[in-house]
């Protein structure tokens, strides 16, 4: 999440100079899929909590395409 938050600071969207984040899966859903795997240390914080704590207005859209993301995440973690 820290990487995403820092990336947002550098990305400017041309429409009204607003920043946006579009995400596919809630952190709590990712935790359910990965469990306590040490390769995925979760923060148990929503992106809304983190991003709304900053000084910039950031529009947050999601989750989007959640079922597709779940399939991709499950496939990835089977290979880890």
N, C-alpha and C. Protein backbone atom coordinates (compact mmCIF):
# COMPACT_ATOMS: atom_id res chain seq x y z
N UNK A 1 0.82 -1.19 0.00
CA UNK A 1 0.00 0.00 0.00
C UNK A 1 0.86 1.25 0.00
N UNK A 2 2.00 1.22 0.69
CA UNK A 2 2.86 2.40 0.72
C UNK A 2 3.35 2.72 -0.68
N UNK A 3 3.71 1.68 -1.45
CA UNK A 3 4.14 1.90 -2.83
C UNK A 3 3.03 2.57 -3.62
N UNK A 4 1.82 2.05 -3.50
CA UNK A 4 0.69 2.61 -4.24
C UNK A 4 0.46 4.06 -3.84
N UNK A 5 0.51 4.33 -2.56
CA UNK A 5 0.27 5.69 -2.09
C UNK A 5 1.33 6.65 -2.63
N UNK A 6 2.59 6.24 -2.64
CA UNK A 6 3.64 7.09 -3.17
C UNK A 6 3.52 7.26 -4.68
N UNK A 7 3.10 6.21 -5.36
CA UNK A 7 2.90 6.29 -6.80
C UNK A 7 1.81 7.30 -7.13
N UNK A 8 0.75 7.33 -6.34
CA UNK A 8 -0.35 8.26 -6.58
C UNK A 8 0.14 9.70 -6.52
N UNK A 9 1.07 9.98 -5.64
CA UNK A 9 1.57 11.34 -5.50
C UNK A 9 2.20 11.84 -6.79
N UNK A 10 2.73 10.93 -7.60
CA UNK A 10 3.41 11.32 -8.83
C UNK A 10 2.52 11.25 -10.06
N UNK A 11 1.41 10.54 -9.98
CA UNK A 11 0.51 10.42 -11.12
C UNK A 11 -0.55 11.51 -11.07
N UNK A 12 -0.66 12.25 -12.11
CA UNK A 12 -1.70 13.28 -12.19
C UNK A 12 -2.65 12.88 -13.30
N UNK A 13 -3.91 12.86 -12.98
CA UNK A 13 -4.92 12.55 -13.97
C UNK A 13 -5.40 13.87 -14.56
N UNK A 14 -5.52 13.93 -15.89
CA UNK A 14 -5.82 15.21 -16.53
C UNK A 14 -7.17 15.81 -16.17
N UNK A 15 -8.12 14.97 -15.81
CA UNK A 15 -9.45 15.49 -15.52
C UNK A 15 -9.48 16.16 -14.15
N UNK A 16 -9.59 17.46 -14.13
CA UNK A 16 -9.72 18.25 -12.90
C UNK A 16 -8.54 18.08 -11.95
N UNK A 17 -7.44 17.57 -12.43
CA UNK A 17 -6.24 17.39 -11.60
C UNK A 17 -6.53 16.58 -10.34
N UNK A 18 -7.47 15.64 -10.42
CA UNK A 18 -7.79 14.78 -9.28
C UNK A 18 -7.02 13.47 -9.39
N UNK A 19 -6.73 12.91 -8.28
CA UNK A 19 -6.07 11.61 -8.25
C UNK A 19 -7.12 10.53 -8.04
N UNK A 20 -6.88 9.37 -8.65
CA UNK A 20 -7.80 8.24 -8.52
C UNK A 20 -7.02 6.97 -8.25
N UNK A 21 -7.66 6.07 -7.54
CA UNK A 21 -7.15 4.72 -7.37
C UNK A 21 -8.28 3.78 -7.75
N UNK A 22 -7.96 2.83 -8.62
CA UNK A 22 -8.91 1.78 -8.96
C UNK A 22 -8.27 0.48 -8.48
N UNK A 23 -8.99 -0.27 -7.67
CA UNK A 23 -8.42 -1.51 -7.15
C UNK A 23 -9.38 -2.66 -7.37
N UNK A 24 -8.85 -3.87 -7.33
CA UNK A 24 -9.64 -5.04 -7.66
C UNK A 24 -10.07 -5.88 -6.48
N UNK A 25 -9.39 -5.80 -5.35
CA UNK A 25 -9.67 -6.72 -4.25
C UNK A 25 -9.39 -6.04 -2.92
N UNK A 26 -10.32 -6.20 -2.00
CA UNK A 26 -10.14 -5.66 -0.64
C UNK A 26 -9.00 -6.40 0.06
N UNK A 27 -8.31 -5.71 0.94
CA UNK A 27 -7.24 -6.32 1.72
C UNK A 27 -7.75 -7.50 2.55
N UNK A 28 -8.94 -7.38 3.10
CA UNK A 28 -9.50 -8.47 3.90
C UNK A 28 -9.75 -9.71 3.05
N UNK A 29 -10.15 -9.53 1.80
CA UNK A 29 -10.35 -10.67 0.89
C UNK A 29 -9.02 -11.32 0.54
N UNK A 30 -8.00 -10.49 0.33
CA UNK A 30 -6.67 -11.03 0.05
C UNK A 30 -6.16 -11.84 1.23
N UNK A 31 -6.39 -11.36 2.44
CA UNK A 31 -5.97 -12.09 3.64
C UNK A 31 -6.69 -13.44 3.72
N UNK A 32 -7.97 -13.48 3.38
CA UNK A 32 -8.69 -14.75 3.37
C UNK A 32 -8.08 -15.74 2.39
N UNK A 33 -7.61 -15.24 1.25
CA UNK A 33 -7.04 -16.11 0.22
C UNK A 33 -5.63 -16.58 0.57
N UNK A 34 -4.84 -15.73 1.20
CA UNK A 34 -3.43 -16.07 1.46
C UNK A 34 -3.17 -16.55 2.87
N UNK A 35 -4.10 -16.31 3.78
CA UNK A 35 -3.87 -16.70 5.18
C UNK A 35 -2.73 -15.90 5.77
N UNK A 36 -1.98 -16.52 6.64
CA UNK A 36 -0.88 -15.81 7.29
C UNK A 36 0.45 -16.09 6.59
N UNK A 37 0.42 -16.25 5.29
CA UNK A 37 1.62 -16.51 4.51
C UNK A 37 2.64 -15.39 4.73
N UNK A 38 3.87 -15.72 5.13
CA UNK A 38 4.87 -14.69 5.39
C UNK A 38 5.26 -13.90 4.13
N UNK A 39 4.94 -14.42 2.96
CA UNK A 39 5.24 -13.69 1.72
C UNK A 39 4.22 -12.58 1.46
N UNK A 40 3.13 -12.56 2.22
CA UNK A 40 2.12 -11.53 2.05
C UNK A 40 1.71 -10.96 3.41
N UNK A 41 2.59 -10.18 4.03
CA UNK A 41 2.23 -9.59 5.31
C UNK A 41 1.20 -8.48 5.10
N UNK A 42 -0.01 -8.70 5.56
CA UNK A 42 -1.07 -7.72 5.36
C UNK A 42 -1.09 -6.69 6.49
N UNK A 43 -1.63 -5.53 6.18
CA UNK A 43 -1.70 -4.45 7.16
C UNK A 43 -3.06 -4.36 7.82
N UNK A 44 -4.04 -5.06 7.32
CA UNK A 44 -5.42 -4.98 7.83
C UNK A 44 -5.93 -3.54 7.86
N UNK A 45 -5.56 -2.79 6.84
CA UNK A 45 -6.05 -1.43 6.67
C UNK A 45 -6.62 -1.30 5.26
N UNK A 46 -7.78 -0.72 5.16
CA UNK A 46 -8.34 -0.51 3.83
C UNK A 46 -7.60 0.63 3.13
N UNK A 47 -7.67 0.63 1.80
CA UNK A 47 -7.03 1.73 1.09
C UNK A 47 -7.74 3.05 1.41
N UNK A 48 -9.04 2.98 1.71
CA UNK A 48 -9.76 4.19 2.08
C UNK A 48 -9.18 4.80 3.36
N UNK A 49 -8.90 3.97 4.34
CA UNK A 49 -8.34 4.46 5.60
C UNK A 49 -6.99 5.13 5.36
N UNK A 50 -6.14 4.49 4.59
CA UNK A 50 -4.80 5.03 4.34
C UNK A 50 -4.88 6.30 3.50
N UNK A 51 -5.59 6.24 2.37
CA UNK A 51 -5.58 7.36 1.44
C UNK A 51 -6.38 8.55 1.92
N UNK A 52 -7.42 8.33 2.68
CA UNK A 52 -8.19 9.45 3.21
C UNK A 52 -7.50 10.10 4.41
N UNK A 53 -6.40 9.53 4.87
CA UNK A 53 -5.63 10.12 5.96
C UNK A 53 -4.65 11.17 5.47
N UNK A 54 -4.47 11.24 4.16
CA UNK A 54 -3.53 12.21 3.59
C UNK A 54 -4.17 13.56 3.36
N UNK A 55 -3.39 14.47 2.80
CA UNK A 55 -3.85 15.83 2.57
C UNK A 55 -4.54 16.01 1.22
N UNK A 56 -4.32 15.09 0.29
CA UNK A 56 -4.89 15.21 -1.05
C UNK A 56 -6.21 14.47 -1.14
N UNK A 57 -7.10 14.99 -1.96
CA UNK A 57 -8.36 14.31 -2.24
C UNK A 57 -8.08 13.23 -3.28
N UNK A 58 -8.38 11.99 -2.94
CA UNK A 58 -8.16 10.87 -3.84
C UNK A 58 -9.46 10.11 -3.97
N UNK A 59 -9.91 9.97 -5.20
CA UNK A 59 -11.11 9.19 -5.47
C UNK A 59 -10.74 7.72 -5.52
N UNK A 60 -11.48 6.90 -4.80
CA UNK A 60 -11.18 5.47 -4.72
C UNK A 60 -12.34 4.69 -5.34
N UNK A 61 -12.02 3.89 -6.34
CA UNK A 61 -13.01 3.08 -7.04
C UNK A 61 -12.68 1.61 -6.87
N UNK A 62 -13.61 0.84 -6.40
CA UNK A 62 -13.36 -0.58 -6.26
C UNK A 62 -14.15 -1.17 -5.12
N UNK A 63 -14.11 -2.43 -4.98
CA UNK A 63 -13.34 -3.35 -5.83
C UNK A 63 -13.97 -3.51 -7.21
N UNK A 64 -13.12 -3.71 -8.19
CA UNK A 64 -13.53 -3.91 -9.57
C UNK A 64 -13.09 -5.29 -10.04
N UNK A 65 -13.92 -5.96 -10.78
CA UNK A 65 -13.59 -7.26 -11.36
C UNK A 65 -13.09 -8.24 -10.28
N UNK A 66 -13.77 -8.25 -9.16
CA UNK A 66 -13.30 -9.01 -8.00
C UNK A 66 -13.15 -10.51 -8.28
N UNK A 67 -14.10 -11.11 -8.96
CA UNK A 67 -14.00 -12.55 -9.23
C UNK A 67 -12.79 -12.88 -10.11
N UNK A 68 -12.52 -12.04 -11.10
CA UNK A 68 -11.36 -12.25 -11.96
C UNK A 68 -10.05 -12.11 -11.17
N UNK A 69 -10.03 -11.14 -10.29
CA UNK A 69 -8.83 -10.93 -9.46
C UNK A 69 -8.64 -12.11 -8.51
N UNK A 70 -9.71 -12.61 -7.92
CA UNK A 70 -9.61 -13.77 -7.02
C UNK A 70 -9.00 -14.96 -7.75
N UNK A 71 -9.43 -15.22 -8.97
CA UNK A 71 -8.88 -16.34 -9.75
C UNK A 71 -7.38 -16.13 -9.99
N UNK A 72 -6.99 -14.92 -10.34
CA UNK A 72 -5.57 -14.64 -10.59
C UNK A 72 -4.74 -14.77 -9.31
N UNK A 73 -5.28 -14.28 -8.19
CA UNK A 73 -4.56 -14.36 -6.92
C UNK A 73 -4.42 -15.81 -6.47
N UNK A 74 -5.49 -16.59 -6.59
CA UNK A 74 -5.42 -18.00 -6.21
C UNK A 74 -4.39 -18.73 -7.05
N UNK A 75 -4.37 -18.46 -8.34
CA UNK A 75 -3.40 -19.09 -9.24
C UNK A 75 -1.97 -18.71 -8.84
N UNK A 76 -1.75 -17.43 -8.55
CA UNK A 76 -0.42 -16.97 -8.14
C UNK A 76 0.05 -17.67 -6.87
N UNK A 77 -0.80 -17.72 -5.86
CA UNK A 77 -0.39 -18.28 -4.57
C UNK A 77 -0.23 -19.81 -4.63
N UNK A 78 -0.84 -20.47 -5.58
CA UNK A 78 -0.61 -21.91 -5.77
C UNK A 78 0.81 -22.17 -6.23
N UNK A 79 1.38 -21.20 -6.94
CA UNK A 79 2.74 -21.35 -7.48
C UNK A 79 3.81 -20.89 -6.49
N UNK A 80 3.43 -20.25 -5.42
CA UNK A 80 4.42 -19.76 -4.43
C UNK A 80 4.84 -20.84 -3.47
